[in-house]
């Protein structure tokens, strides 16, 4: 299974989600791949935000080598699941879908925690205090995602 995490700039939420999901996949010995991307092009080639790197490091993850990239239409064929952080990301990604099959790959990540609520992962960029709660929220969501797919193989 190939999973893509998507947020706006690919420097805060999605690289942190990528790192968390990679750790869970590794711990469960799953043959899954995970990557991340942003809907915007501002941070292509940049490392994740230092605050995401810091909270990841405090929790035993190293995401410092990840590099930002922009979501592209080719991601629809490369990934089985495209997990977006918020409704704006959802809209931006779905606009690029050319088929219903492509569109069906796009889901809000937090719907794995509370199905159908369509809640957003808050963007912590403007508030330093939100990176620790973000880590906890993403960990919970990633665990729910993995558990859902292990139960529904």
C-alpha atoms as a PDB file:
ATOM      1  CA  UNK A   1       0.000   0.000   0.000  1.00  0.00           C
ATOM      2  CA  UNK A   2       1.250   3.482  -0.879  1.00  0.00           C
ATOM      3  CA  UNK A   3       0.058   6.439   1.180  1.00  0.00           C
ATOM      4  CA  UNK A   4       0.574  10.157   0.557  1.00  0.00           C
ATOM      5  CA  UNK A   5       0.103  12.762   3.292  1.00  0.00           C
ATOM      6  CA  UNK A   6      -0.839  16.214   1.971  1.00  0.00           C
ATOM      7  CA  UNK A   7      -1.013  19.663   3.564  1.00  0.00           C
ATOM      8  CA  UNK A   8      -0.617  23.189   2.253  1.00  0.00           C
ATOM      9  CA  UNK A   9       3.152  23.747   2.210  1.00  0.00           C
ATOM     10  CA  UNK A  10       4.583  20.310   3.058  1.00  0.00           C
ATOM     11  CA  UNK A  11       6.647  21.699   5.917  1.00  0.00           C
ATOM     12  CA  UNK A  12       4.555  21.234   9.098  1.00  0.00           C
ATOM     13  CA  UNK A  13       1.674  18.764   9.117  1.00  0.00           C
ATOM     14  CA  UNK A  14       2.306  16.371   6.236  1.00  0.00           C
ATOM     15  CA  UNK A  15       6.017  15.682   6.867  1.00  0.00           C
ATOM     16  CA  UNK A  16       5.234  15.094  10.541  1.00  0.00           C
ATOM     17  CA  UNK A  17       2.391  12.735   9.572  1.00  0.00           C
ATOM     18  CA  UNK A  18       4.747  10.985   7.146  1.00  0.00           C
ATOM     19  CA  UNK A  19       7.327  10.432   9.889  1.00  0.00           C
ATOM     20  CA  UNK A  20       4.732   9.189  12.369  1.00  0.00           C
ATOM     21  CA  UNK A  21       3.148   6.804   9.883  1.00  0.00           C
ATOM     22  CA  UNK A  22       6.567   5.481   8.813  1.00  0.00           C
ATOM     23  CA  UNK A  23       7.353   4.660  12.437  1.00  0.00           C
ATOM     24  CA  UNK A  24       4.051   2.815  12.917  1.00  0.00           C
ATOM     25  CA  UNK A  25       4.540   0.914   9.645  1.00  0.00           C
ATOM     26  CA  UNK A  26       8.044  -0.075  10.703  1.00  0.00           C
ATOM     27  CA  UNK A  27       6.903  -1.178  14.178  1.00  0.00           C
ATOM     28  CA  UNK A  28       4.152  -3.343  12.663  1.00  0.00           C
ATOM     29  CA  UNK A  29       6.471  -4.732   9.987  1.00  0.00           C
ATOM     30  CA  UNK A  30       4.165  -3.672   7.155  1.00  0.00           C
ATOM     31  CA  UNK A  31       5.222  -3.449   3.534  1.00  0.00           C
ATOM     32  CA  UNK A  32       3.665  -0.023   3.060  1.00  0.00           C
ATOM     33  CA  UNK A  33       5.245   3.129   1.657  1.00  0.00           C
ATOM     34  CA  UNK A  34       4.513   6.678   2.744  1.00  0.00           C
ATOM     35  CA  UNK A  35       5.432  10.086   1.357  1.00  0.00           C
ATOM     36  CA  UNK A  36       4.194  13.652   1.760  1.00  0.00           C
ATOM     37  CA  UNK A  37       3.491  16.654  -0.442  1.00  0.00           C
ATOM     38  CA  UNK A  38       1.979  20.113  -0.337  1.00  0.00           C
ATOM     39  CA  UNK A  39      -0.654  21.685  -2.512  1.00  0.00           C
ATOM     40  CA  UNK A  40       1.410  24.873  -2.774  1.00  0.00           C
ATOM     41  CA  UNK A  41       4.826  25.348  -4.336  1.00  0.00           C
ATOM     42  CA  UNK A  42       6.426  27.698  -1.780  1.00  0.00           C
ATOM     43  CA  UNK A  43       8.577  25.095  -0.036  1.00  0.00           C
ATOM     44  CA  UNK A  44       9.705  22.759  -2.819  1.00  0.00           C
ATOM     45  CA  UNK A  45      13.097  21.358  -1.838  1.00  0.00           C
ATOM     46  CA  UNK A  46      12.969  22.809   1.678  1.00  0.00           C
ATOM     47  CA  UNK A  47      13.352  20.844   4.885  1.00  0.00           C
ATOM     48  CA  UNK A  48      10.377  20.585   7.242  1.00  0.00           C
ATOM     49  CA  UNK A  49       9.693  23.475   9.610  1.00  0.00           C
ATOM     50  CA  UNK A  50      12.163  23.395  12.506  1.00  0.00           C
ATOM     51  CA  UNK A  51       9.285  23.071  14.984  1.00  0.00           C
ATOM     52  CA  UNK A  52       8.001  19.907  13.279  1.00  0.00           C
ATOM     53  CA  UNK A  53      11.550  18.552  13.210  1.00  0.00           C
ATOM     54  CA  UNK A  54      11.916  19.374  16.921  1.00  0.00           C
ATOM     55  CA  UNK A  55       8.668  17.730  18.080  1.00  0.00           C
ATOM     56  CA  UNK A  56       9.438  14.699  15.925  1.00  0.00           C
ATOM     57  CA  UNK A  57      12.914  14.439  17.456  1.00  0.00           C
ATOM     58  CA  UNK A  58      11.473  14.693  20.984  1.00  0.00           C
ATOM     59  CA  UNK A  59       9.380  11.650  20.093  1.00  0.00           C
ATOM     60  CA  UNK A  60      12.192   9.596  18.573  1.00  0.00           C
ATOM     61  CA  UNK A  61      11.621  10.476  14.901  1.00  0.00           C
ATOM     62  CA  UNK A  62      14.047  12.074  12.492  1.00  0.00           C
ATOM     63  CA  UNK A  63      12.241  13.917   9.701  1.00  0.00           C
ATOM     64  CA  UNK A  64      15.016  16.441   9.090  1.00  0.00           C
ATOM     65  CA  UNK A  65      16.096  14.896   5.768  1.00  0.00           C
ATOM     66  CA  UNK A  66      12.633  15.132   4.194  1.00  0.00           C
ATOM     67  CA  UNK A  67      12.284  17.679   1.389  1.00  0.00           C
ATOM     68  CA  UNK A  68       9.138  19.555   0.429  1.00  0.00           C
ATOM     69  CA  UNK A  69       7.469  18.803  -2.858  1.00  0.00           C
ATOM     70  CA  UNK A  70       4.251  19.823  -4.554  1.00  0.00           C
ATOM     71  CA  UNK A  71       1.379  17.449  -5.195  1.00  0.00           C
ATOM     72  CA  UNK A  72       1.026  16.557  -8.866  1.00  0.00           C
ATOM     73  CA  UNK A  73      -1.457  14.633 -10.944  1.00  0.00           C
ATOM     74  CA  UNK A  74       0.980  11.713 -11.215  1.00  0.00           C
ATOM     75  CA  UNK A  75       0.476  11.137  -7.474  1.00  0.00           C
ATOM     76  CA  UNK A  76      -2.960   9.702  -8.246  1.00  0.00           C
ATOM     77  CA  UNK A  77      -1.339   6.750 -10.001  1.00  0.00           C
ATOM     78  CA  UNK A  78       1.542   6.412  -7.520  1.00  0.00           C
ATOM     79  CA  UNK A  79      -0.570   6.262  -4.340  1.00  0.00           C
ATOM     80  CA  UNK A  80      -3.476   4.164  -3.115  1.00  0.00           C
ATOM     81  CA  UNK A  81      -4.492   6.685  -0.436  1.00  0.00           C
ATOM     82  CA  UNK A  82      -4.062  10.444  -0.493  1.00  0.00           C
ATOM     83  CA  UNK A  83      -4.708  11.670   3.042  1.00  0.00           C
ATOM     84  CA  UNK A  84      -5.226  15.409   3.280  1.00  0.00           C
ATOM     85  CA  UNK A  85      -5.087  17.543   6.394  1.00  0.00           C
ATOM     86  CA  UNK A  86      -7.991  19.912   5.784  1.00  0.00           C
ATOM     87  CA  UNK A  87     -10.900  20.787   3.504  1.00  0.00           C
ATOM     88  CA  UNK A  88      -8.837  23.316   1.536  1.00  0.00           C
ATOM     89  CA  UNK A  89      -6.230  20.627   0.787  1.00  0.00           C
ATOM     90  CA  UNK A  90      -9.067  18.275  -0.146  1.00  0.00           C
ATOM     91  CA  UNK A  91     -10.522  20.776  -2.625  1.00  0.00           C
ATOM     92  CA  UNK A  92      -7.129  21.558  -4.151  1.00  0.00           C
ATOM     93  CA  UNK A  93      -6.248  17.898  -4.663  1.00  0.00           C
ATOM     94  CA  UNK A  94      -9.673  16.823  -5.922  1.00  0.00           C
ATOM     95  CA  UNK A  95      -9.583  19.623  -8.534  1.00  0.00           C
ATOM     96  CA  UNK A  96      -6.671  17.791 -10.150  1.00  0.00           C
ATOM     97  CA  UNK A  97      -8.508  14.450 -10.274  1.00  0.00           C
ATOM     98  CA  UNK A  98      -9.592  13.440 -13.768  1.00  0.00           C
ATOM     99  CA  UNK A  99     -11.649  10.389 -12.827  1.00  0.00           C
ATOM    100  CA  UNK A 100     -13.910   9.240 -10.012  1.00  0.00           C
ATOM    101  CA  UNK A 101     -11.314   6.588  -9.152  1.00  0.00           C
ATOM    102  CA  UNK A 102      -8.680   9.293  -8.639  1.00  0.00           C
ATOM    103  CA  UNK A 103     -11.097  11.389  -6.592  1.00  0.00           C
ATOM    104  CA  UNK A 104     -11.997   8.384  -4.421  1.00  0.00           C
ATOM    105  CA  UNK A 105      -8.368   8.096  -3.264  1.00  0.00           C
ATOM    106  CA  UNK A 106      -8.544  11.471  -1.508  1.00  0.00           C
ATOM    107  CA  UNK A 107      -9.689  11.469   2.114  1.00  0.00           C
ATOM    108  CA  UNK A 108      -9.459  13.705   5.146  1.00  0.00           C
ATOM    109  CA  UNK A 109      -7.030  12.015   7.542  1.00  0.00           C
ATOM    110  CA  UNK A 110      -9.128  12.728  10.625  1.00  0.00           C
ATOM    111  CA  UNK A 111     -12.084  10.819   9.177  1.00  0.00           C
ATOM    112  CA  UNK A 112     -10.189   7.719  10.304  1.00  0.00           C
ATOM    113  CA  UNK A 113     -10.622   8.943  13.884  1.00  0.00           C
ATOM    114  CA  UNK A 114     -14.251  10.059  13.586  1.00  0.00           C
ATOM    115  CA  UNK A 115     -15.825   8.798  10.378  1.00  0.00           C
ATOM    116  CA  UNK A 116     -17.730  11.414   8.404  1.00  0.00           C
ATOM    117  CA  UNK A 117     -17.005  14.383  10.661  1.00  0.00           C
ATOM    118  CA  UNK A 118     -14.741  15.962   8.040  1.00  0.00           C
ATOM    119  CA  UNK A 119     -12.615  17.684  10.662  1.00  0.00           C
ATOM    120  CA  UNK A 120      -9.358  19.400   9.798  1.00  0.00           C
ATOM    121  CA  UNK A 121      -5.909  18.929  11.248  1.00  0.00           C
ATOM    122  CA  UNK A 122      -5.159  22.464  12.494  1.00  0.00           C
ATOM    123  CA  UNK A 123      -2.242  24.229  10.822  1.00  0.00           C
ATOM    124  CA  UNK A 124       0.248  25.077  13.600  1.00  0.00           C
ATOM    125  CA  UNK A 125       2.384  27.386  11.456  1.00  0.00           C
ATOM    126  CA  UNK A 126       1.390  30.607  13.249  1.00  0.00           C
ATOM    127  CA  UNK A 127       1.358  29.194  16.805  1.00  0.00           C
ATOM    128  CA  UNK A 128       4.447  27.547  18.295  1.00  0.00           C
ATOM    129  CA  UNK A 129       2.378  26.008  21.098  1.00  0.00           C
ATOM    130  CA  UNK A 130       0.401  23.850  18.660  1.00  0.00           C
ATOM    131  CA  UNK A 131       3.171  21.498  17.545  1.00  0.00           C
ATOM    132  CA  UNK A 132       2.940  19.168  20.542  1.00  0.00           C
ATOM    133  CA  UNK A 133      -0.863  18.786  20.259  1.00  0.00           C
ATOM    134  CA  UNK A 134      -0.366  18.350  16.503  1.00  0.00           C
ATOM    135  CA  UNK A 135       2.005  15.445  17.096  1.00  0.00           C
ATOM    136  CA  UNK A 136      -0.530  13.745  19.388  1.00  0.00           C
ATOM    137  CA  UNK A 137      -3.405  14.320  16.957  1.00  0.00           C
ATOM    138  CA  UNK A 138      -1.447  12.972  13.984  1.00  0.00           C
ATOM    139  CA  UNK A 139      -0.242   9.957  15.962  1.00  0.00           C
ATOM    140  CA  UNK A 140      -3.819   9.098  16.923  1.00  0.00           C
ATOM    141  CA  UNK A 141      -5.039   9.534  13.333  1.00  0.00           C
ATOM    142  CA  UNK A 142      -2.199   7.460  11.865  1.00  0.00           C
ATOM    143  CA  UNK A 143      -2.822   4.669  14.379  1.00  0.00           C
ATOM    144  CA  UNK A 144      -6.516   4.677  13.449  1.00  0.00           C
ATOM    145  CA  UNK A 145      -5.643   4.564   9.748  1.00  0.00           C
ATOM    146  CA  UNK A 146      -3.327   1.577  10.191  1.00  0.00           C
ATOM    147  CA  UNK A 147      -5.715  -0.286  12.488  1.00  0.00           C
ATOM    148  CA  UNK A 148      -8.607   0.278  10.075  1.00  0.00           C
ATOM    149  CA  UNK A 149      -6.668  -1.194   7.181  1.00  0.00           C
ATOM    150  CA  UNK A 150      -5.310  -4.114   9.170  1.00  0.00           C
ATOM    151  CA  UNK A 151      -8.856  -5.037  10.248  1.00  0.00           C
ATOM    152  CA  UNK A 152     -10.237  -4.635   6.729  1.00  0.00           C
ATOM    153  CA  UNK A 153      -7.600  -6.497   4.703  1.00  0.00           C
END
